């Protein structure tokens, strides 16, 4: 499955009511480390059918960024049943992101 663009309009339906864990990638177009982590997140989205992977552009979705207290990007947030399970801030290698998903 590919990554899904998450907005305030689809957040409740896609994230809060997901029967799978959700990995949210908070990013921005101008962010160098975000561009470095993006291919890793895309790869995980393709490989992991058991996880929904969403992308949140912090410049376009300020409300969501504030809701999750995003102060630095990239930030990866893992949610399960609508609850934040874990968070990674900054560039991380694929193995570390996959370890986050193995809950």
N, C-alpha and C. Protein backbone atom coordinates (compact mmCIF):
# COMPACT_ATOMS: atom_id res chain seq x y z
N UNK A 1 0.85 -1.18 0.00
CA UNK A 1 0.00 0.00 0.00
C UNK A 1 0.89 1.24 0.00
N UNK A 2 0.43 2.27 -0.63
CA UNK A 2 1.24 3.49 -0.66
C UNK A 2 0.85 4.40 0.50
N UNK A 3 1.65 5.43 0.65
CA UNK A 3 1.39 6.40 1.72
C UNK A 3 0.10 7.17 1.41
N UNK A 4 -0.55 7.62 2.46
CA UNK A 4 -1.79 8.37 2.33
C UNK A 4 -1.55 9.78 2.88
N UNK A 5 -2.00 10.78 2.15
CA UNK A 5 -1.90 12.15 2.64
C UNK A 5 -2.99 12.35 3.69
N UNK A 6 -2.55 12.72 4.89
CA UNK A 6 -3.49 12.93 6.01
C UNK A 6 -3.73 14.42 6.17
N UNK A 7 -5.01 14.78 6.24
CA UNK A 7 -5.42 16.16 6.46
C UNK A 7 -6.38 16.19 7.64
N UNK A 8 -6.71 17.39 8.11
CA UNK A 8 -7.68 17.48 9.21
C UNK A 8 -9.04 16.93 8.77
N UNK A 9 -9.32 16.96 7.46
CA UNK A 9 -10.60 16.47 6.96
C UNK A 9 -10.73 14.95 6.96
N UNK A 10 -9.62 14.23 6.75
CA UNK A 10 -9.70 12.77 6.71
C UNK A 10 -9.06 12.10 7.93
N UNK A 11 -8.50 12.89 8.83
CA UNK A 11 -7.78 12.36 9.99
C UNK A 11 -8.64 11.42 10.84
N UNK A 12 -9.83 11.87 11.19
CA UNK A 12 -10.69 11.06 12.07
C UNK A 12 -11.03 9.72 11.43
N UNK A 13 -11.43 9.75 10.18
CA UNK A 13 -11.83 8.53 9.48
C UNK A 13 -10.65 7.58 9.28
N UNK A 14 -9.53 8.11 8.76
CA UNK A 14 -8.42 7.23 8.39
C UNK A 14 -7.51 6.85 9.56
N UNK A 15 -7.30 7.76 10.49
CA UNK A 15 -6.34 7.50 11.57
C UNK A 15 -7.03 7.02 12.84
N UNK A 16 -8.00 7.77 13.32
CA UNK A 16 -8.62 7.44 14.59
C UNK A 16 -9.46 6.16 14.53
N UNK A 17 -9.98 5.83 13.37
CA UNK A 17 -10.81 4.64 13.24
C UNK A 17 -10.11 3.50 12.48
N UNK A 18 -8.79 3.58 12.37
CA UNK A 18 -8.04 2.54 11.68
C UNK A 18 -7.96 1.28 12.54
N UNK A 19 -8.16 0.13 11.90
CA UNK A 19 -8.02 -1.13 12.63
C UNK A 19 -6.56 -1.61 12.64
N UNK A 20 -5.69 -0.84 11.97
CA UNK A 20 -4.26 -1.14 11.94
C UNK A 20 -3.51 -0.05 12.70
N UNK A 21 -2.28 -0.35 13.14
CA UNK A 21 -1.43 0.73 13.66
C UNK A 21 -1.20 1.76 12.54
N UNK A 22 -1.03 3.01 12.92
CA UNK A 22 -0.83 4.09 11.95
C UNK A 22 0.51 4.77 12.23
N UNK A 23 1.33 4.87 11.19
CA UNK A 23 2.59 5.61 11.28
C UNK A 23 2.39 6.92 10.56
N UNK A 24 2.47 8.03 11.29
CA UNK A 24 2.33 9.35 10.70
C UNK A 24 3.71 9.99 10.55
N UNK A 25 3.99 10.47 9.36
CA UNK A 25 5.24 11.16 9.06
C UNK A 25 4.92 12.65 8.94
N UNK A 26 5.31 13.43 9.93
CA UNK A 26 5.14 14.88 9.90
C UNK A 26 6.36 15.47 9.20
N UNK A 27 6.14 16.22 8.12
CA UNK A 27 7.22 16.67 7.25
C UNK A 27 6.88 18.03 6.63
N UNK A 28 7.85 18.57 5.89
CA UNK A 28 7.65 19.80 5.11
C UNK A 28 8.55 19.73 3.88
N UNK A 29 8.16 20.41 2.83
CA UNK A 29 8.92 20.36 1.57
C UNK A 29 10.32 20.95 1.71
N UNK A 30 10.48 21.93 2.58
CA UNK A 30 11.76 22.63 2.74
C UNK A 30 12.73 21.92 3.69
N UNK A 31 12.32 20.81 4.27
CA UNK A 31 13.08 20.12 5.32
C UNK A 31 14.00 19.05 4.71
N UNK A 32 15.32 19.28 4.81
CA UNK A 32 16.30 18.33 4.28
C UNK A 32 16.20 16.94 4.89
N UNK A 33 16.21 16.81 6.23
CA UNK A 33 16.08 15.49 6.84
C UNK A 33 14.76 14.80 6.47
N UNK A 34 13.70 15.59 6.23
CA UNK A 34 12.42 15.00 5.81
C UNK A 34 12.59 14.32 4.45
N UNK A 35 13.34 14.96 3.55
CA UNK A 35 13.58 14.38 2.23
C UNK A 35 14.43 13.12 2.34
N UNK A 36 15.27 13.05 3.36
CA UNK A 36 16.11 11.86 3.56
C UNK A 36 15.28 10.68 4.10
N UNK A 37 14.33 10.96 4.96
CA UNK A 37 13.53 9.89 5.56
C UNK A 37 12.36 9.48 4.67
N UNK A 38 11.95 10.34 3.74
CA UNK A 38 10.79 10.07 2.88
C UNK A 38 10.88 8.75 2.10
N UNK A 39 12.03 8.43 1.46
CA UNK A 39 12.08 7.16 0.73
C UNK A 39 11.98 5.95 1.65
N UNK A 40 12.47 6.09 2.87
CA UNK A 40 12.39 4.99 3.84
C UNK A 40 10.94 4.77 4.23
N UNK A 41 10.23 5.86 4.51
CA UNK A 41 8.82 5.77 4.88
C UNK A 41 8.01 5.19 3.72
N UNK A 42 8.31 5.61 2.49
CA UNK A 42 7.61 5.09 1.31
C UNK A 42 7.85 3.58 1.16
N UNK A 43 9.09 3.16 1.42
CA UNK A 43 9.44 1.74 1.34
C UNK A 43 8.65 0.94 2.37
N UNK A 44 8.59 1.44 3.58
CA UNK A 44 7.84 0.78 4.65
C UNK A 44 6.36 0.68 4.27
N UNK A 45 5.82 1.74 3.69
CA UNK A 45 4.41 1.73 3.27
C UNK A 45 4.16 0.62 2.25
N UNK A 46 5.11 0.41 1.35
CA UNK A 46 4.97 -0.64 0.33
C UNK A 46 5.12 -2.04 0.92
N UNK A 47 6.02 -2.17 1.90
CA UNK A 47 6.34 -3.49 2.45
C UNK A 47 5.40 -3.96 3.54
N UNK A 48 4.83 -3.05 4.29
CA UNK A 48 4.06 -3.43 5.49
C UNK A 48 2.56 -3.25 5.27
N UNK A 49 1.89 -4.33 4.97
CA UNK A 49 0.43 -4.29 4.81
C UNK A 49 -0.28 -4.16 6.16
N UNK A 50 0.45 -4.44 7.23
CA UNK A 50 -0.15 -4.43 8.57
C UNK A 50 -0.13 -3.04 9.21
N UNK A 51 0.41 -2.04 8.51
CA UNK A 51 0.52 -0.68 9.05
C UNK A 51 0.01 0.31 8.01
N UNK A 52 -0.79 1.27 8.45
CA UNK A 52 -1.21 2.37 7.59
C UNK A 52 -0.18 3.48 7.73
N UNK A 53 0.35 3.95 6.61
CA UNK A 53 1.37 5.00 6.65
C UNK A 53 0.78 6.28 6.08
N UNK A 54 0.79 7.33 6.91
CA UNK A 54 0.24 8.61 6.50
C UNK A 54 1.29 9.70 6.53
N UNK A 55 1.15 10.66 5.62
CA UNK A 55 2.06 11.81 5.55
C UNK A 55 1.27 13.06 5.93
N UNK A 56 1.84 13.86 6.83
CA UNK A 56 1.21 15.11 7.26
C UNK A 56 2.17 16.25 6.97
N UNK A 57 1.81 17.10 6.01
CA UNK A 57 2.60 18.27 5.69
C UNK A 57 2.31 19.34 6.75
N UNK A 58 3.29 19.66 7.57
CA UNK A 58 3.06 20.57 8.71
C UNK A 58 2.74 21.99 8.26
N UNK A 59 3.17 22.38 7.07
CA UNK A 59 2.86 23.72 6.57
C UNK A 59 1.40 23.83 6.16
N UNK A 60 0.83 22.72 5.68
CA UNK A 60 -0.56 22.71 5.24
C UNK A 60 -1.53 22.28 6.34
N UNK A 61 -1.04 21.53 7.31
CA UNK A 61 -1.89 20.98 8.36
C UNK A 61 -1.38 21.39 9.75
N UNK A 62 -1.35 22.69 9.96
CA UNK A 62 -0.84 23.24 11.22
C UNK A 62 -1.64 22.73 12.42
N UNK A 63 -2.94 22.57 12.27
CA UNK A 63 -3.78 22.08 13.37
C UNK A 63 -3.33 20.69 13.85
N UNK A 64 -3.07 19.80 12.89
CA UNK A 64 -2.62 18.45 13.25
C UNK A 64 -1.24 18.49 13.89
N UNK A 65 -0.36 19.34 13.35
CA UNK A 65 0.98 19.47 13.93
C UNK A 65 0.89 19.95 15.37
N UNK A 66 0.00 20.89 15.62
CA UNK A 66 -0.18 21.40 16.98
C UNK A 66 -0.81 20.34 17.88
N UNK A 67 -1.76 19.59 17.35
CA UNK A 67 -2.43 18.53 18.12
C UNK A 67 -1.42 17.50 18.63
N UNK A 68 -0.39 17.24 17.83
CA UNK A 68 0.63 16.25 18.22
C UNK A 68 1.89 16.90 18.79
N UNK A 69 1.83 18.20 19.08
CA UNK A 69 2.96 18.94 19.67
C UNK A 69 4.24 18.77 18.86
N UNK A 70 4.14 18.89 17.55
CA UNK A 70 5.29 18.75 16.68
C UNK A 70 6.11 20.04 16.73
N UNK A 71 7.32 19.93 17.24
CA UNK A 71 8.21 21.09 17.34
C UNK A 71 9.44 20.95 16.46
N UNK A 72 9.66 19.74 15.94
CA UNK A 72 10.80 19.47 15.08
C UNK A 72 10.38 18.43 14.05
N UNK A 73 10.90 18.59 12.84
CA UNK A 73 10.57 17.62 11.80
C UNK A 73 11.84 17.10 11.16
N UNK A 74 11.82 15.90 10.63
CA UNK A 74 10.69 15.00 10.59
C UNK A 74 10.39 14.41 11.97
N UNK A 75 9.12 14.15 12.21
CA UNK A 75 8.69 13.42 13.39
C UNK A 75 7.79 12.29 12.93
N UNK A 76 8.08 11.10 13.39
CA UNK A 76 7.26 9.93 13.10
C UNK A 76 6.49 9.59 14.36
N UNK A 77 5.18 9.44 14.23
CA UNK A 77 4.32 9.13 15.37
C UNK A 77 3.59 7.83 15.07
N UNK A 78 3.66 6.89 15.99
CA UNK A 78 2.95 5.63 15.86
C UNK A 78 1.70 5.67 16.73
N UNK A 79 0.56 5.44 16.12
CA UNK A 79 -0.71 5.41 16.85
C UNK A 79 -1.33 4.02 16.72
N UNK A 80 -1.98 3.61 17.78
CA UNK A 80 -2.75 2.37 17.74
C UNK A 80 -4.04 2.61 18.50
N UNK A 81 -5.15 2.29 17.86
CA UNK A 81 -6.47 2.56 18.44
C UNK A 81 -6.62 4.02 18.84
N UNK A 82 -6.07 4.91 18.03
CA UNK A 82 -6.18 6.34 18.28
C UNK A 82 -5.27 6.89 19.36
N UNK A 83 -4.44 6.05 19.96
CA UNK A 83 -3.53 6.46 21.03
C UNK A 83 -2.09 6.51 20.53
N UNK A 84 -1.35 7.54 20.94
CA UNK A 84 0.07 7.63 20.59
C UNK A 84 0.84 6.56 21.36
N UNK A 85 1.51 5.70 20.62
CA UNK A 85 2.27 4.62 21.23
C UNK A 85 3.75 4.99 21.36
N UNK A 86 4.27 5.73 20.35
CA UNK A 86 5.68 6.08 20.35
C UNK A 86 5.92 7.19 19.34
N UNK A 87 7.10 7.80 19.43
CA UNK A 87 7.44 8.94 18.58
C UNK A 87 8.94 8.93 18.33
N UNK A 88 9.33 9.20 17.08
CA UNK A 88 10.74 9.36 16.73
C UNK A 88 10.91 10.74 16.10
N UNK A 89 11.92 11.46 16.53
CA UNK A 89 12.17 12.80 16.01
C UNK A 89 13.49 12.82 15.27
N UNK A 90 13.51 13.42 14.08
CA UNK A 90 14.72 13.51 13.29
C UNK A 90 14.89 12.33 12.36
N UNK A 91 15.93 12.40 11.54
CA UNK A 91 16.21 11.30 10.62
C UNK A 91 16.57 10.05 11.41
N UNK A 92 16.00 8.94 11.00
CA UNK A 92 16.32 7.64 11.61
C UNK A 92 16.49 6.61 10.50
N UNK A 93 17.41 5.66 10.69
CA UNK A 93 17.57 4.60 9.68
C UNK A 93 16.35 3.68 9.67
N UNK A 94 16.20 2.97 8.57
CA UNK A 94 15.04 2.09 8.39
C UNK A 94 14.88 1.09 9.53
N UNK A 95 15.98 0.49 9.97
CA UNK A 95 15.91 -0.52 11.03
C UNK A 95 15.30 0.05 12.30
N UNK A 96 15.61 1.29 12.62
CA UNK A 96 15.08 1.92 13.83
C UNK A 96 13.58 2.20 13.69
N UNK A 97 13.17 2.60 12.49
CA UNK A 97 11.75 2.87 12.26
C UNK A 97 10.97 1.55 12.31
N UNK A 98 11.52 0.51 11.72
CA UNK A 98 10.86 -0.80 11.74
C UNK A 98 10.75 -1.34 13.17
N UNK A 99 11.75 -1.08 13.98
CA UNK A 99 11.71 -1.51 15.39
C UNK A 99 10.54 -0.81 16.10
N UNK A 100 10.29 0.44 15.78
CA UNK A 100 9.18 1.19 16.35
C UNK A 100 7.85 0.51 16.00
N UNK A 101 7.76 -0.07 14.81
CA UNK A 101 6.52 -0.68 14.35
C UNK A 101 6.27 -2.06 14.94
N UNK A 102 7.27 -2.68 15.46
CA UNK A 102 7.13 -4.03 16.01
C UNK A 102 6.70 -4.00 17.46
N UNK A 103 5.48 -3.53 17.67
CA UNK A 103 4.95 -3.46 19.05
C UNK A 103 4.03 -4.62 19.32
